[in-house]
N, C-alpha and C. Protein backbone atom coordinates (compact mmCIF):
# COMPACT_ATOMS: atom_id res chain seq x y z
N MET A 1 110.30 147.35 117.26
CA MET A 1 109.65 146.05 117.21
C MET A 1 108.23 146.19 116.68
N SER A 2 107.88 145.32 115.78
CA SER A 2 106.58 145.37 115.14
C SER A 2 105.46 144.95 116.09
N LYS A 3 104.40 145.71 116.06
CA LYS A 3 103.21 145.38 116.85
C LYS A 3 102.16 144.69 116.00
N THR A 4 102.39 144.60 114.68
CA THR A 4 101.44 143.89 113.84
C THR A 4 101.62 142.39 114.06
N ILE A 5 100.58 141.63 113.77
CA ILE A 5 100.67 140.18 113.91
C ILE A 5 100.58 139.54 112.54
N GLU A 6 101.29 138.45 112.38
CA GLU A 6 101.23 137.70 111.13
C GLU A 6 100.07 136.72 111.21
N LEU A 7 99.19 136.80 110.24
CA LEU A 7 98.06 135.88 110.17
C LEU A 7 98.29 134.92 109.02
N THR A 8 98.02 133.65 109.28
CA THR A 8 98.20 132.61 108.28
C THR A 8 96.90 131.82 108.14
N ASP A 9 96.84 130.97 107.13
CA ASP A 9 95.66 130.13 106.98
C ASP A 9 95.40 129.30 108.23
N SER A 10 96.47 128.89 108.92
CA SER A 10 96.30 128.01 110.08
C SER A 10 95.92 128.76 111.36
N ASN A 11 96.28 130.04 111.52
CA ASN A 11 95.95 130.73 112.77
C ASN A 11 94.89 131.82 112.60
N PHE A 12 94.45 132.08 111.38
CA PHE A 12 93.57 133.21 111.10
C PHE A 12 92.30 133.20 111.94
N ASP A 13 91.51 132.13 111.85
CA ASP A 13 90.22 132.08 112.54
C ASP A 13 90.38 132.23 114.04
N GLN A 14 91.38 131.57 114.61
CA GLN A 14 91.59 131.64 116.06
C GLN A 14 91.97 133.05 116.50
N LYS A 15 92.87 133.70 115.78
CA LYS A 15 93.33 135.05 116.15
C LYS A 15 92.20 136.07 116.01
N ILE A 16 91.41 135.95 114.95
CA ILE A 16 90.33 136.92 114.73
C ILE A 16 89.23 136.73 115.77
N SER A 17 88.82 135.49 116.01
CA SER A 17 87.69 135.24 116.92
C SER A 17 88.06 135.46 118.38
N SER A 18 89.33 135.34 118.73
CA SER A 18 89.71 135.48 120.14
C SER A 18 90.06 136.92 120.52
N SER A 19 90.11 137.83 119.57
CA SER A 19 90.50 139.21 119.87
C SER A 19 89.37 139.95 120.58
N GLU A 20 89.72 140.63 121.65
CA GLU A 20 88.74 141.41 122.39
C GLU A 20 88.57 142.81 121.82
N VAL A 21 89.44 143.18 120.89
CA VAL A 21 89.36 144.48 120.22
C VAL A 21 89.22 144.22 118.72
N PRO A 22 88.78 145.22 117.96
CA PRO A 22 88.68 145.03 116.51
C PRO A 22 90.05 144.65 115.91
N VAL A 23 90.00 143.95 114.78
CA VAL A 23 91.21 143.53 114.08
C VAL A 23 91.15 144.07 112.66
N LEU A 24 92.16 144.84 112.29
CA LEU A 24 92.29 145.34 110.92
C LEU A 24 93.28 144.43 110.21
N VAL A 25 92.81 143.75 109.16
CA VAL A 25 93.65 142.79 108.45
C VAL A 25 94.07 143.38 107.11
N ASP A 26 95.38 143.40 106.91
CA ASP A 26 95.99 143.88 105.67
C ASP A 26 96.33 142.68 104.81
N TYR A 27 95.64 142.54 103.67
CA TYR A 27 95.96 141.49 102.70
C TYR A 27 96.95 142.10 101.73
N TRP A 28 98.14 141.53 101.66
CA TRP A 28 99.25 142.14 100.92
C TRP A 28 100.11 141.07 100.27
N ALA A 29 101.10 141.52 99.48
CA ALA A 29 102.10 140.63 98.89
C ALA A 29 103.42 141.41 98.77
N GLU A 30 104.50 140.67 98.82
CA GLU A 30 105.83 141.27 98.76
C GLU A 30 106.05 142.07 97.48
N TRP A 31 105.50 141.63 96.37
CA TRP A 31 105.71 142.25 95.06
C TRP A 31 104.81 143.45 94.80
N CYS A 32 103.91 143.76 95.71
CA CYS A 32 102.89 144.80 95.52
C CYS A 32 103.42 146.17 95.96
N GLY A 33 103.58 147.07 95.00
CA GLY A 33 104.07 148.42 95.31
C GLY A 33 103.20 149.18 96.28
N PRO A 34 101.89 149.29 96.02
CA PRO A 34 101.02 150.00 96.97
C PRO A 34 101.03 149.37 98.37
N CYS A 35 101.19 148.04 98.44
CA CYS A 35 101.26 147.37 99.75
C CYS A 35 102.48 147.85 100.52
N LYS A 36 103.59 148.05 99.81
CA LYS A 36 104.82 148.53 100.45
C LYS A 36 104.66 149.96 100.96
N MET A 37 103.78 150.73 100.35
CA MET A 37 103.52 152.09 100.83
C MET A 37 102.67 152.06 102.10
N VAL A 38 101.71 151.18 102.15
CA VAL A 38 100.79 151.11 103.29
C VAL A 38 101.43 150.42 104.50
N GLY A 39 102.30 149.44 104.26
CA GLY A 39 102.90 148.65 105.34
C GLY A 39 103.50 149.46 106.48
N PRO A 40 104.41 150.42 106.19
CA PRO A 40 105.01 151.19 107.28
C PRO A 40 104.00 152.04 108.06
N ILE A 41 102.97 152.52 107.37
CA ILE A 41 101.93 153.29 108.06
C ILE A 41 101.18 152.39 109.03
N LEU A 42 100.87 151.18 108.60
CA LEU A 42 100.17 150.24 109.48
C LEU A 42 101.02 149.87 110.69
N GLU A 43 102.34 149.76 110.50
CA GLU A 43 103.24 149.48 111.63
C GLU A 43 103.14 150.61 112.66
N GLU A 44 103.16 151.87 112.19
CA GLU A 44 103.04 153.02 113.09
C GLU A 44 101.69 153.01 113.81
N LEU A 45 100.64 152.74 113.06
CA LEU A 45 99.30 152.74 113.65
C LEU A 45 99.13 151.61 114.66
N ALA A 46 99.78 150.48 114.42
CA ALA A 46 99.72 149.37 115.39
C ALA A 46 100.30 149.82 116.73
N ASN A 47 101.34 150.63 116.69
CA ASN A 47 101.91 151.16 117.92
C ASN A 47 101.01 152.23 118.53
N ASP A 48 100.52 153.15 117.68
CA ASP A 48 99.70 154.26 118.17
C ASP A 48 98.37 153.80 118.76
N PHE A 49 97.79 152.74 118.21
CA PHE A 49 96.47 152.27 118.65
C PHE A 49 96.57 151.00 119.49
N GLU A 50 97.74 150.72 120.03
CA GLU A 50 97.93 149.50 120.83
C GLU A 50 96.90 149.44 121.96
N GLY A 51 96.26 148.28 122.09
CA GLY A 51 95.24 148.09 123.11
C GLY A 51 93.84 148.45 122.64
N LYS A 52 93.75 149.16 121.51
CA LYS A 52 92.46 149.57 120.97
C LYS A 52 92.09 148.78 119.72
N ILE A 53 93.11 148.36 118.98
CA ILE A 53 92.89 147.60 117.75
C ILE A 53 94.13 146.74 117.52
N VAL A 54 93.92 145.60 116.88
CA VAL A 54 95.03 144.74 116.47
C VAL A 54 95.15 144.86 114.96
N ILE A 55 96.36 144.99 114.47
CA ILE A 55 96.58 145.03 113.03
C ILE A 55 97.32 143.76 112.63
N GLY A 56 96.68 143.00 111.76
CA GLY A 56 97.26 141.74 111.28
C GLY A 56 97.56 141.83 109.80
N LYS A 57 98.51 141.01 109.37
CA LYS A 57 98.93 141.01 107.97
C LYS A 57 98.83 139.59 107.42
N VAL A 58 98.19 139.48 106.24
CA VAL A 58 98.06 138.20 105.55
C VAL A 58 98.79 138.31 104.22
N ASP A 59 99.84 137.53 104.04
CA ASP A 59 100.53 137.46 102.76
C ASP A 59 99.68 136.58 101.84
N VAL A 60 99.08 137.19 100.82
CA VAL A 60 98.14 136.46 99.97
C VAL A 60 98.82 135.39 99.13
N ASP A 61 100.12 135.50 98.91
CA ASP A 61 100.82 134.48 98.12
C ASP A 61 100.98 133.17 98.88
N THR A 62 101.12 133.25 100.19
CA THR A 62 101.32 132.04 100.98
C THR A 62 100.10 131.63 101.80
N ASN A 63 99.06 132.46 101.79
CA ASN A 63 97.85 132.18 102.57
C ASN A 63 96.61 132.42 101.71
N LYS A 64 96.52 131.65 100.66
CA LYS A 64 95.45 131.83 99.67
C LYS A 64 94.05 131.56 100.24
N ASP A 65 93.93 130.63 101.18
CA ASP A 65 92.61 130.31 101.74
C ASP A 65 92.03 131.50 102.50
N SER A 66 92.85 132.14 103.32
CA SER A 66 92.37 133.30 104.10
C SER A 66 91.93 134.43 103.17
N ALA A 67 92.68 134.65 102.10
CA ALA A 67 92.31 135.70 101.14
C ALA A 67 91.04 135.31 100.40
N ALA A 68 90.92 134.07 100.02
CA ALA A 68 89.74 133.62 99.27
C ALA A 68 88.47 133.74 100.11
N LYS A 69 88.56 133.45 101.40
CA LYS A 69 87.38 133.53 102.27
C LYS A 69 86.79 134.94 102.28
N GLN A 70 87.63 135.95 102.15
CA GLN A 70 87.16 137.34 102.16
C GLN A 70 87.00 137.90 100.74
N ARG A 71 87.15 137.01 99.76
CA ARG A 71 87.00 137.39 98.35
C ARG A 71 87.93 138.54 97.97
N VAL A 72 89.16 138.46 98.43
CA VAL A 72 90.15 139.48 98.10
C VAL A 72 90.55 139.31 96.63
N MET A 73 90.26 140.31 95.84
CA MET A 73 90.53 140.27 94.41
C MET A 73 91.72 141.15 94.02
N SER A 74 91.98 142.20 94.79
CA SER A 74 93.13 143.06 94.53
C SER A 74 93.71 143.49 95.87
N ILE A 75 94.98 143.86 95.81
CA ILE A 75 95.67 144.22 97.03
C ILE A 75 96.33 145.58 96.86
N PRO A 76 96.54 146.31 97.94
CA PRO A 76 96.15 145.92 99.29
C PRO A 76 94.64 146.01 99.52
N THR A 77 94.14 145.06 100.26
CA THR A 77 92.77 145.10 100.77
C THR A 77 92.85 145.08 102.27
N LEU A 78 92.12 145.98 102.91
CA LEU A 78 92.06 146.06 104.37
C LEU A 78 90.65 145.71 104.80
N VAL A 79 90.54 144.69 105.65
CA VAL A 79 89.23 144.26 106.16
C VAL A 79 89.24 144.44 107.67
N LEU A 80 88.21 145.10 108.17
CA LEU A 80 88.10 145.30 109.61
C LEU A 80 87.12 144.29 110.18
N PHE A 81 87.59 143.54 111.17
CA PHE A 81 86.78 142.53 111.85
C PHE A 81 86.43 143.03 113.25
N LYS A 82 85.19 142.83 113.63
CA LYS A 82 84.75 143.16 114.99
C LYS A 82 83.94 141.98 115.49
N ASP A 83 84.24 141.52 116.68
CA ASP A 83 83.59 140.34 117.25
C ASP A 83 83.71 139.14 116.31
N GLY A 84 84.86 139.04 115.64
CA GLY A 84 85.14 137.90 114.78
C GLY A 84 84.53 137.96 113.40
N GLN A 85 83.77 139.02 113.10
CA GLN A 85 83.08 139.12 111.82
C GLN A 85 83.58 140.33 111.03
N PRO A 86 83.68 140.19 109.69
CA PRO A 86 84.07 141.34 108.88
C PRO A 86 82.95 142.39 108.88
N VAL A 87 83.31 143.65 109.14
CA VAL A 87 82.30 144.70 109.20
C VAL A 87 82.52 145.80 108.16
N ASP A 88 83.74 145.90 107.62
CA ASP A 88 84.01 146.95 106.65
C ASP A 88 85.31 146.62 105.93
N GLN A 89 85.51 147.22 104.76
CA GLN A 89 86.77 147.00 104.06
C GLN A 89 87.10 148.18 103.18
N ARG A 90 88.38 148.31 102.87
CA ARG A 90 88.88 149.31 101.94
C ARG A 90 89.85 148.61 101.00
N VAL A 91 89.88 149.03 99.74
CA VAL A 91 90.78 148.46 98.75
C VAL A 91 91.67 149.58 98.22
N GLY A 92 92.96 149.30 98.13
CA GLY A 92 93.90 150.28 97.60
C GLY A 92 94.72 150.92 98.70
N ALA A 93 95.74 151.65 98.27
CA ALA A 93 96.63 152.32 99.21
C ALA A 93 95.94 153.54 99.80
N LEU A 94 95.89 153.60 101.11
CA LEU A 94 95.28 154.72 101.81
C LEU A 94 96.36 155.54 102.51
N THR A 95 96.09 156.81 102.71
CA THR A 95 97.01 157.66 103.46
C THR A 95 96.86 157.37 104.96
N ARG A 96 97.79 157.88 105.73
CA ARG A 96 97.69 157.72 107.19
C ARG A 96 96.37 158.29 107.72
N ASN A 97 96.00 159.48 107.24
CA ASN A 97 94.76 160.10 107.70
C ASN A 97 93.55 159.25 107.34
N GLN A 98 93.52 158.71 106.13
CA GLN A 98 92.40 157.85 105.73
C GLN A 98 92.34 156.60 106.59
N LEU A 99 93.49 156.02 106.89
CA LEU A 99 93.52 154.82 107.74
C LEU A 99 93.06 155.13 109.16
N GLU A 100 93.49 156.27 109.69
CA GLU A 100 93.06 156.65 111.04
C GLU A 100 91.55 156.86 111.09
N GLU A 101 90.99 157.52 110.08
CA GLU A 101 89.54 157.72 110.03
C GLU A 101 88.81 156.38 109.98
N PHE A 102 89.32 155.47 109.17
CA PHE A 102 88.72 154.13 109.03
C PHE A 102 88.74 153.42 110.39
N ILE A 103 89.87 153.43 111.07
CA ILE A 103 90.02 152.75 112.36
C ILE A 103 89.13 153.42 113.41
N ASN A 104 89.12 154.74 113.45
CA ASN A 104 88.38 155.45 114.50
C ASN A 104 86.88 155.19 114.45
N GLN A 105 86.36 154.76 113.32
CA GLN A 105 84.93 154.42 113.24
C GLN A 105 84.58 153.21 114.09
N TYR A 106 85.57 152.38 114.42
CA TYR A 106 85.28 151.09 115.04
C TYR A 106 85.92 150.89 116.42
N ILE A 107 86.62 151.89 116.92
CA ILE A 107 87.20 151.71 118.26
C ILE A 107 86.50 152.58 119.28
């Protein structure tokens, strides 16, 4: 069972601002090859870091407003939110080790 959460234009602000732990948001699309490489790693990390970080996914094709607010120009883009505010981001497919290092800076 997936521990990632689906974020949409309608629930994005509420989910991000109400989280008591940092939220790593994956901006992705079904047609994106690098996104398909990162997706399974994020699923694993959502399980491994449960209770320490929330991993959310925004499909940029169906949630254009959420992507536009963060000025997402290419995907995958990963934005880390802390206390409801974006604090860091990475663009492109990252390895599991790179993702863990990114997350560990903020938990």
